[in-house]
Amino acid sequence: HVLEIILKLYNLHFELLKKVNNKFFAELSK
């Protein structure tokens, strides 16, 4: 169902986010 899709996709996104150095996002704006 759709809720499972949304929850799993966001979980995938947040798992990646957990590994990213904060500097990456700040420096990307350049």
PDB file of all heavy atoms in Angstrom:
ATOM      1  N   HIS A   1       0.840  -1.197   0.000  1.00  0.00           N
ATOM      2  CA  HIS A   1       0.000   0.000   0.000  1.00  0.00           C
ATOM      3  C   HIS A   1       0.875   1.247   0.000  1.00  0.00           C
ATOM      4  O   HIS A   1       2.089   1.180   0.213  1.00  0.00           O
ATOM      5  CB  HIS A   1      -0.961   0.009   1.198  1.00  0.00           C
ATOM      6  CG  HIS A   1      -0.290  -0.269   2.511  1.00  0.00           C
ATOM      7  ND1 HIS A   1       0.516   0.661   3.135  1.00  0.00           N
ATOM      8  CD2 HIS A   1      -0.275  -1.364   3.305  1.00  0.00           C
ATOM      9  CE1 HIS A   1       0.976   0.150   4.253  1.00  0.00           C
ATOM     10  NE2 HIS A   1       0.518  -1.072   4.381  1.00  0.00           N
ATOM     11  N   VAL A   2       0.228   2.381  -0.221  1.00  0.00           N
ATOM     12  CA  VAL A   2       0.947   3.645  -0.385  1.00  0.00           C
ATOM     13  C   VAL A   2       1.709   4.048   0.875  1.00  0.00           C
ATOM     14  O   VAL A   2       2.835   4.555   0.798  1.00  0.00           O
ATOM     15  CB  VAL A   2      -0.038   4.760  -0.790  1.00  0.00           C
ATOM     16  CG1 VAL A   2       0.616   6.127  -0.688  1.00  0.00           C
ATOM     17  CG2 VAL A   2      -0.522   4.550  -2.212  1.00  0.00           C
ATOM     18  N   LEU A   3       1.116   3.858   2.032  1.00  0.00           N
ATOM     19  CA  LEU A   3       1.794   4.238   3.274  1.00  0.00           C
ATOM     20  C   LEU A   3       3.111   3.493   3.438  1.00  0.00           C
ATOM     21  O   LEU A   3       4.111   4.066   3.886  1.00  0.00           O
ATOM     22  CB  LEU A   3       0.885   3.972   4.478  1.00  0.00           C
ATOM     23  CG  LEU A   3       0.137   5.181   5.026  1.00  0.00           C
ATOM     24  CD1 LEU A   3      -0.852   4.745   6.092  1.00  0.00           C
ATOM     25  CD2 LEU A   3       1.090   6.225   5.574  1.00  0.00           C
ATOM     26  N   GLU A   4       3.112   2.228   3.074  1.00  0.00           N
ATOM     27  CA  GLU A   4       4.348   1.440   3.163  1.00  0.00           C
ATOM     28  C   GLU A   4       5.411   2.010   2.221  1.00  0.00           C
ATOM     29  O   GLU A   4       6.582   2.106   2.574  1.00  0.00           O
ATOM     30  CB  GLU A   4       4.067  -0.026   2.821  1.00  0.00           C
ATOM     31  CG  GLU A   4       5.275  -0.931   3.053  1.00  0.00           C
ATOM     32  CD  GLU A   4       4.963  -2.396   2.800  1.00  0.00           C
ATOM     33  OE1 GLU A   4       3.808  -2.715   2.452  1.00  0.00           O
ATOM     34  OE2 GLU A   4       5.888  -3.219   2.926  1.00  0.00           O
ATOM     35  N   ILE A   5       4.979   2.395   1.025  1.00  0.00           N
ATOM     36  CA  ILE A   5       5.912   2.997   0.060  1.00  0.00           C
ATOM     37  C   ILE A   5       6.527   4.270   0.638  1.00  0.00           C
ATOM     38  O   ILE A   5       7.748   4.449   0.642  1.00  0.00           O
ATOM     39  CB  ILE A   5       5.195   3.332  -1.267  1.00  0.00           C
ATOM     40  CG1 ILE A   5       4.798   2.047  -1.995  1.00  0.00           C
ATOM     41  CG2 ILE A   5       6.105   4.179  -2.169  1.00  0.00           C
ATOM     42  CD1 ILE A   5       3.926   2.283  -3.223  1.00  0.00           C
ATOM     43  N   ILE A   6       5.672   5.164   1.146  1.00  0.00           N
ATOM     44  CA  ILE A   6       6.146   6.452   1.667  1.00  0.00           C
ATOM     45  C   ILE A   6       7.086   6.254   2.850  1.00  0.00           C
ATOM     46  O   ILE A   6       8.167   6.847   2.922  1.00  0.00           O
ATOM     47  CB  ILE A   6       4.955   7.338   2.062  1.00  0.00           C
ATOM     48  CG1 ILE A   6       4.158   7.732   0.815  1.00  0.00           C
ATOM     49  CG2 ILE A   6       5.428   8.601   2.806  1.00  0.00           C
ATOM     50  CD1 ILE A   6       2.846   8.442   1.109  1.00  0.00           C
ATOM     51  N   LEU A   7       6.705   5.387   3.789  1.00  0.00           N
ATOM     52  CA  LEU A   7       7.530   5.155   4.975  1.00  0.00           C
ATOM     53  C   LEU A   7       8.884   4.549   4.607  1.00  0.00           C
ATOM     54  O   LEU A   7       9.929   4.964   5.125  1.00  0.00           O
ATOM     55  CB  LEU A   7       6.790   4.236   5.954  1.00  0.00           C
ATOM     56  CG  LEU A   7       5.595   4.879   6.678  1.00  0.00           C
ATOM     57  CD1 LEU A   7       4.742   3.805   7.345  1.00  0.00           C
ATOM     58  CD2 LEU A   7       6.065   5.898   7.699  1.00  0.00           C
ATOM     59  N   LYS A   8       8.872   3.597   3.688  1.00  0.00           N
ATOM     60  CA  LYS A   8      10.128   2.956   3.284  1.00  0.00           C
ATOM     61  C   LYS A   8      11.030   3.894   2.489  1.00  0.00           C
ATOM     62  O   LYS A   8      12.249   3.884   2.658  1.00  0.00           O
ATOM     63  CB  LYS A   8       9.836   1.687   2.466  1.00  0.00           C
ATOM     64  CG  LYS A   8       9.366   0.512   3.309  1.00  0.00           C
ATOM     65  CD  LYS A   8       9.166  -0.722   2.450  1.00  0.00           C
ATOM     66  CE  LYS A   8       8.779  -1.929   3.297  1.00  0.00           C
ATOM     67  NZ  LYS A   8       8.553  -3.132   2.445  1.00  0.00           N
ATOM     68  N   LEU A   9      10.421   4.703   1.614  1.00  0.00           N
ATOM     69  CA  LEU A   9      11.221   5.644   0.814  1.00  0.00           C
ATOM     70  C   LEU A   9      11.864   6.709   1.697  1.00  0.00           C
ATOM     71  O   LEU A   9      13.039   7.061   1.507  1.00  0.00           O
ATOM     72  CB  LEU A   9      10.352   6.300  -0.261  1.00  0.00           C
ATOM     73  CG  LEU A   9      10.023   5.430  -1.479  1.00  0.00           C
ATOM     74  CD1 LEU A   9       9.074   6.169  -2.409  1.00  0.00           C
ATOM     75  CD2 LEU A   9      11.289   5.049  -2.244  1.00  0.00           C
ATOM     76  N   TYR A  10      11.088   7.224   2.657  1.00  0.00           N
ATOM     77  CA  TYR A  10      11.675   8.212   3.559  1.00  0.00           C
ATOM     78  C   TYR A  10      12.748   7.583   4.439  1.00  0.00           C
ATOM     79  O   TYR A  10      13.769   8.205   4.747  1.00  0.00           O
ATOM     80  CB  TYR A  10      10.592   8.873   4.413  1.00  0.00           C
ATOM     81  CG  TYR A  10      10.057  10.129   3.772  1.00  0.00           C
ATOM     82  CD1 TYR A  10       8.838  10.141   3.104  1.00  0.00           C
ATOM     83  CD2 TYR A  10      10.777  11.314   3.811  1.00  0.00           C
ATOM     84  CE1 TYR A  10       8.354  11.288   2.492  1.00  0.00           C
ATOM     85  CE2 TYR A  10      10.311  12.463   3.203  1.00  0.00           C
ATOM     86  CZ  TYR A  10       9.099  12.447   2.546  1.00  0.00           C
ATOM     87  OH  TYR A  10       8.628  13.583   1.938  1.00  0.00           O
ATOM     88  N   ASN A  11      12.546   6.340   4.839  1.00  0.00           N
ATOM     89  CA  ASN A  11      13.554   5.656   5.640  1.00  0.00           C
ATOM     90  C   ASN A  11      14.850   5.500   4.842  1.00  0.00           C
ATOM     91  O   ASN A  11      15.953   5.693   5.370  1.00  0.00           O
ATOM     92  CB  ASN A  11      13.047   4.280   6.087  1.00  0.00           C
ATOM     93  CG  ASN A  11      13.898   3.685   7.192  1.00  0.00           C
ATOM     94  OD1 ASN A  11      14.156   4.336   8.194  1.00  0.00           O
ATOM     95  ND2 ASN A  11      14.351   2.464   7.004  1.00  0.00           N
ATOM     96  N   LEU A  12      14.713   5.166   3.562  1.00  0.00           N
ATOM     97  CA  LEU A  12      15.871   5.058   2.671  1.00  0.00           C
ATOM     98  C   LEU A  12      16.606   6.400   2.597  1.00  0.00           C
ATOM     99  O   LEU A  12      17.840   6.458   2.674  1.00  0.00           O
ATOM    100  CB  LEU A  12      15.404   4.628   1.282  1.00  0.00           C
ATOM    101  CG  LEU A  12      16.461   4.444   0.197  1.00  0.00           C
ATOM    102  CD1 LEU A  12      17.340   3.237   0.487  1.00  0.00           C
ATOM    103  CD2 LEU A  12      15.793   4.268  -1.173  1.00  0.00           C
ATOM    104  N   HIS A  13      15.836   7.463   2.455  1.00  0.00           N
ATOM    105  CA  HIS A  13      16.407   8.812   2.369  1.00  0.00           C
ATOM    106  C   HIS A  13      17.123   9.192   3.666  1.00  0.00           C
ATOM    107  O   HIS A  13      18.248   9.716   3.636  1.00  0.00           O
ATOM    108  CB  HIS A  13      15.287   9.808   2.075  1.00  0.00           C
ATOM    109  CG  HIS A  13      15.727  11.233   2.051  1.00  0.00           C
ATOM    110  ND1 HIS A  13      16.461  11.777   1.021  1.00  0.00           N
ATOM    111  CD2 HIS A  13      15.553  12.236   2.958  1.00  0.00           C
ATOM    112  CE1 HIS A  13      16.712  13.046   1.274  1.00  0.00           C
ATOM    113  NE2 HIS A  13      16.167  13.351   2.444  1.00  0.00           N
ATOM    114  N   PHE A  14      16.506   8.896   4.808  1.00  0.00           N
ATOM    115  CA  PHE A  14      17.095   9.285   6.082  1.00  0.00           C
ATOM    116  C   PHE A  14      18.320   8.439   6.426  1.00  0.00           C
ATOM    117  O   PHE A  14      19.232   8.911   7.105  1.00  0.00           O
ATOM    118  CB  PHE A  14      16.052   9.193   7.201  1.00  0.00           C
ATOM    119  CG  PHE A  14      14.926  10.187   7.055  1.00  0.00           C
ATOM    120  CD1 PHE A  14      13.608   9.808   7.241  1.00  0.00           C
ATOM    121  CD2 PHE A  14      15.196  11.502   6.709  1.00  0.00           C
ATOM    122  CE1 PHE A  14      12.574  10.721   7.094  1.00  0.00           C
ATOM    123  CE2 PHE A  14      14.174  12.418   6.547  1.00  0.00           C
ATOM    124  CZ  PHE A  14      12.856  12.035   6.752  1.00  0.00           C
ATOM    125  N   GLU A  15      18.345   7.190   5.968  1.00  0.00           N
ATOM    126  CA  GLU A  15      19.535   6.347   6.177  1.00  0.00           C
ATOM    127  C   GLU A  15      20.726   6.928   5.429  1.00  0.00           C
ATOM    128  O   GLU A  15      21.858   6.924   5.932  1.00  0.00           O
ATOM    129  CB  GLU A  15      19.261   4.914   5.707  1.00  0.00           C
ATOM    130  CG  GLU A  15      18.475   4.080   6.694  1.00  0.00           C
ATOM    131  CD  GLU A  15      19.155   3.958   8.049  1.00  0.00           C
ATOM    132  OE1 GLU A  15      20.342   3.572   8.083  1.00  0.00           O
ATOM    133  OE2 GLU A  15      18.514   4.266   9.063  1.00  0.00           O
ATOM    134  N   LEU A  16      20.488   7.441   4.216  1.00  0.00           N
ATOM    135  CA  LEU A  16      21.558   8.096   3.466  1.00  0.00           C
ATOM    136  C   LEU A  16      21.977   9.382   4.173  1.00  0.00           C
ATOM    137  O   LEU A  16      23.167   9.672   4.313  1.00  0.00           O
ATOM    138  CB  LEU A  16      21.091   8.421   2.043  1.00  0.00           C
ATOM    139  CG  LEU A  16      22.051   9.264   1.190  1.00  0.00           C
ATOM    140  CD1 LEU A  16      23.364   8.519   0.948  1.00  0.00           C
ATOM    141  CD2 LEU A  16      21.414   9.644  -0.139  1.00  0.00           C
ATOM    142  N   LEU A  17      20.995  10.137   4.633  1.00  0.00           N
ATOM    143  CA  LEU A  17      21.254  11.407   5.305  1.00  0.00           C
ATOM    144  C   LEU A  17      22.147  11.218   6.529  1.00  0.00           C
ATOM    145  O   LEU A  17      23.000  12.057   6.830  1.00  0.00           O
ATOM    146  CB  LEU A  17      19.916  12.031   5.724  1.00  0.00           C
ATOM    147  CG  LEU A  17      19.841  13.540   5.900  1.00  0.00           C
ATOM    148  CD1 LEU A  17      20.222  14.256   4.615  1.00  0.00           C
ATOM    149  CD2 LEU A  17      18.436  13.942   6.327  1.00  0.00           C
ATOM    150  N   LYS A  18      21.947  10.097   7.218  1.00  0.00           N
ATOM    151  CA  LYS A  18      22.719   9.806   8.430  1.00  0.00           C
ATOM    152  C   LYS A  18      24.214   9.679   8.140  1.00  0.00           C
ATOM    153  O   LYS A  18      25.049   9.955   8.995  1.00  0.00           O
ATOM    154  CB  LYS A  18      22.178   8.495   9.040  1.00  0.00           C
ATOM    155  CG  LYS A  18      22.734   8.172  10.403  1.00  0.00           C
ATOM    156  CD  LYS A  18      21.880   7.143  11.124  1.00  0.00           C
ATOM    157  CE  LYS A  18      21.751   5.846  10.364  1.00  0.00           C
ATOM    158  NZ  LYS A  18      21.037   4.805  11.121  1.00  0.00           N
ATOM    159  N   LYS A  19      24.547   9.283   6.911  1.00  0.00           N
ATOM    160  CA  LYS A  19      25.953   9.062   6.542  1.00  0.00           C
ATOM    161  C   LYS A  19      26.639  10.314   5.999  1.00  0.00           C
ATOM    162  O   LYS A  19      27.855  10.341   5.847  1.00  0.00           O
ATOM    163  CB  LYS A  19      26.033   7.960   5.468  1.00  0.00           C
ATOM    164  CG  LYS A  19      25.479   6.623   5.918  1.00  0.00           C
ATOM    165  CD  LYS A  19      25.416   5.652   4.749  1.00  0.00           C
ATOM    166  CE  LYS A  19      24.728   4.351   5.142  1.00  0.00           C
ATOM    167  NZ  LYS A  19      24.563   3.451   3.982  1.00  0.00           N
ATOM    168  N   VAL A  20      25.842  11.346   5.697  1.00  0.00           N
ATOM    169  CA  VAL A  20      26.384  12.518   5.007  1.00  0.00           C
ATOM    170  C   VAL A  20      26.974  13.526   5.985  1.00  0.00           C
ATOM    171  O   VAL A  20      26.328  13.912   6.962  1.00  0.00           O
ATOM    172  CB  VAL A  20      25.294  13.208   4.154  1.00  0.00           C
ATOM    173  CG1 VAL A  20      25.873  14.430   3.439  1.00  0.00           C
ATOM    174  CG2 VAL A  20      24.709  12.240   3.140  1.00  0.00           C
ATOM    175  N   ASN A  21      28.197  13.950   5.700  1.00  0.00           N
ATOM    176  CA  ASN A  21      28.839  15.020   6.462  1.00  0.00           C
ATOM    177  C   ASN A  21      28.073  16.326   6.212  1.00  0.00           C
ATOM    178  O   ASN A  21      27.769  16.669   5.073  1.00  0.00           O
ATOM    179  CB  ASN A  21      30.299  15.161   6.000  1.00  0.00           C
ATOM    180  CG  ASN A  21      31.106  16.091   6.875  1.00  0.00           C
ATOM    181  OD1 ASN A  21      30.683  17.192   7.190  1.00  0.00           O
ATOM    182  ND2 ASN A  21      32.291  15.652   7.262  1.00  0.00           N
ATOM    183  N   ASN A  22      27.768  17.055   7.281  1.00  0.00           N
ATOM    184  CA  ASN A  22      27.009  18.300   7.140  1.00  0.00           C
ATOM    185  C   ASN A  22      27.650  19.278   6.162  1.00  0.00           C
ATOM    186  O   ASN A  22      26.958  20.059   5.494  1.00  0.00           O
ATOM    187  CB  ASN A  22      26.863  18.986   8.507  1.00  0.00           C
ATOM    188  CG  ASN A  22      25.839  18.297   9.394  1.00  0.00           C
ATOM    189  OD1 ASN A  22      25.156  17.373   8.959  1.00  0.00           O
ATOM    190  ND2 ASN A  22      25.757  18.717  10.635  1.00  0.00           N
ATOM    191  N   LYS A  23      28.977  19.249   6.050  1.00  0.00           N
ATOM    192  CA  LYS A  23      29.681  20.168   5.161  1.00  0.00           C
ATOM    193  C   LYS A  23      29.296  19.953   3.702  1.00  0.00           C
ATOM    194  O   LYS A  23      29.355  20.877   2.892  1.00  0.00           O
ATOM    195  CB  LYS A  23      31.203  20.015   5.323  1.00  0.00           C
ATOM    196  CG  LYS A  23      31.736  20.496   6.655  1.00  0.00           C
ATOM    197  CD  LYS A  23      33.258  20.558   6.663  1.00  0.00           C
ATOM    198  CE  LYS A  23      33.887  19.192   6.596  1.00  0.00           C
ATOM    199  NZ  LYS A  23      35.365  19.262   6.711  1.00  0.00           N
ATOM    200  N   PHE A  24      28.901  18.728   3.367  1.00  0.00           N
ATOM    201  CA  PHE A  24      28.543  18.409   1.980  1.00  0.00           C
ATOM    202  C   PHE A  24      27.420  19.316   1.489  1.00  0.00           C
ATOM    203  O   PHE A  24      27.492  19.877   0.400  1.00  0.00           O
ATOM    204  CB  PHE A  24      28.134  16.937   1.868  1.00  0.00           C
ATOM    205  CG  PHE A  24      27.676  16.530   0.503  1.00  0.00           C
ATOM    206  CD1 PHE A  24      28.593  16.178  -0.469  1.00  0.00           C
ATOM    207  CD2 PHE A  24      26.323  16.513   0.180  1.00  0.00           C
ATOM    208  CE1 PHE A  24      28.176  15.803  -1.746  1.00  0.00           C
ATOM    209  CE2 PHE A  24      25.898  16.145  -1.082  1.00  0.00           C
ATOM    210  CZ  PHE A  24      26.834  15.785  -2.043  1.00  0.00           C
ATOM    211  N   PHE A  25      26.376  19.473   2.304  1.00  0.00           N
ATOM    212  CA  PHE A  25      25.224  20.283   1.899  1.00  0.00           C
ATOM    213  C   PHE A  25      25.587  21.760   1.809  1.00  0.00           C
ATOM    214  O   PHE A  25      25.161  22.458   0.887  1.00  0.00           O
ATOM    215  CB  PHE A  25      24.075  20.095   2.887  1.00  0.00           C
ATOM    216  CG  PHE A  25      23.535  18.696   2.924  1.00  0.00           C
ATOM    217  CD1 PHE A  25      23.741  17.887   4.032  1.00  0.00           C
ATOM    218  CD2 PHE A  25      22.833  18.176   1.854  1.00  0.00           C
ATOM    219  CE1 PHE A  25      23.244  16.593   4.067  1.00  0.00           C
ATOM    220  CE2 PHE A  25      22.330  16.884   1.883  1.00  0.00           C
ATOM    221  CZ  PHE A  25      22.548  16.092   2.997  1.00  0.00           C
ATOM    222  N   ALA A  26      26.361  22.229   2.779  1.00  0.00           N
ATOM    223  CA  ALA A  26      26.757  23.637   2.770  1.00  0.00           C
ATOM    224  C   ALA A  26      27.603  23.957   1.541  1.00  0.00           C
ATOM    225  O   ALA A  26      27.429  24.999   0.905  1.00  0.00           O
ATOM    226  CB  ALA A  26      27.528  23.964   4.042  1.00  0.00           C
ATOM    227  N   GLU A  27      28.501  23.064   1.199  1.00  0.00           N
ATOM    228  CA  GLU A  27      29.427  23.298   0.086  1.00  0.00           C
ATOM    229  C   GLU A  27      28.766  23.091  -1.275  1.00  0.00           C
ATOM    230  O   GLU A  27      29.207  23.656  -2.277  1.00  0.00           O
ATOM    231  CB  GLU A  27      30.654  22.399   0.238  1.00  0.00           C
ATOM    232  CG  GLU A  27      31.515  22.795   1.426  1.00  0.00           C
ATOM    233  CD  GLU A  27      32.483  21.723   1.886  1.00  0.00           C
ATOM    234  OE1 GLU A  27      32.521  20.637   1.274  1.00  0.00           O
ATOM    235  OE2 GLU A  27      33.206  21.974   2.868  1.00  0.00           O
ATOM    236  N   LEU A  28      27.694  22.327  -1.304  1.00  0.00           N
ATOM    237  CA  LEU A  28      26.978  22.093  -2.556  1.00  0.00           C
ATOM    238  C   LEU A  28      26.377  23.393  -3.105  1.00  0.00           C
ATOM    239  O   LEU A  28      26.264  23.565  -4.324  1.00  0.00           O
ATOM    240  CB  LEU A  28      25.862  21.067  -2.318  1.00  0.00           C
ATOM    241  CG  LEU A  28      25.242  20.397  -3.538  1.00  0.00           C
ATOM    242  CD1 LEU A  28      26.274  19.593  -4.321  1.00  0.00           C
ATOM    243  CD2 LEU A  28      24.088  19.487  -3.119  1.00  0.00           C
ATOM    244  N   SER A  29      26.036  24.307  -2.205  1.00  0.00           N
ATOM    245  CA  SER A  29      25.424  25.577  -2.615  1.00  0.00           C
ATOM    246  C   SER A  29      26.379  26.458  -3.419  1.00  0.00           C
ATOM    247  O   SER A  29      25.952  27.440  -4.035  1.00  0.00           O
ATOM    248  CB  SER A  29      24.939  26.349  -1.379  1.00  0.00           C
ATOM    249  OG  SER A  29      26.035  26.699  -0.552  1.00  0.00           O
ATOM    250  N   LYS A  30      27.645  26.120  -3.433  1.00  0.00           N
ATOM    251  CA  LYS A  30      28.636  26.904  -4.191  1.00  0.00           C
ATOM    252  C   LYS A  30      28.671  26.523  -5.672  1.00  0.00           C
ATOM    253  O   LYS A  30      29.449  27.080  -6.438  1.00  0.00           O
ATOM    254  CB  LYS A  30      30.015  26.715  -3.566  1.00  0.00           C
ATOM    255  CG  LYS A  30      30.098  27.244  -2.135  1.00  0.00           C
ATOM    256  CD  LYS A  30      31.434  26.918  -1.490  1.00  0.00           C
ATOM    257  CE  LYS A  30      31.446  27.377  -0.031  1.00  0.00           C
ATOM    258  NZ  LYS A  30      32.702  27.007   0.659  1.00  0.00           N
TER     259      LYS A  30
END
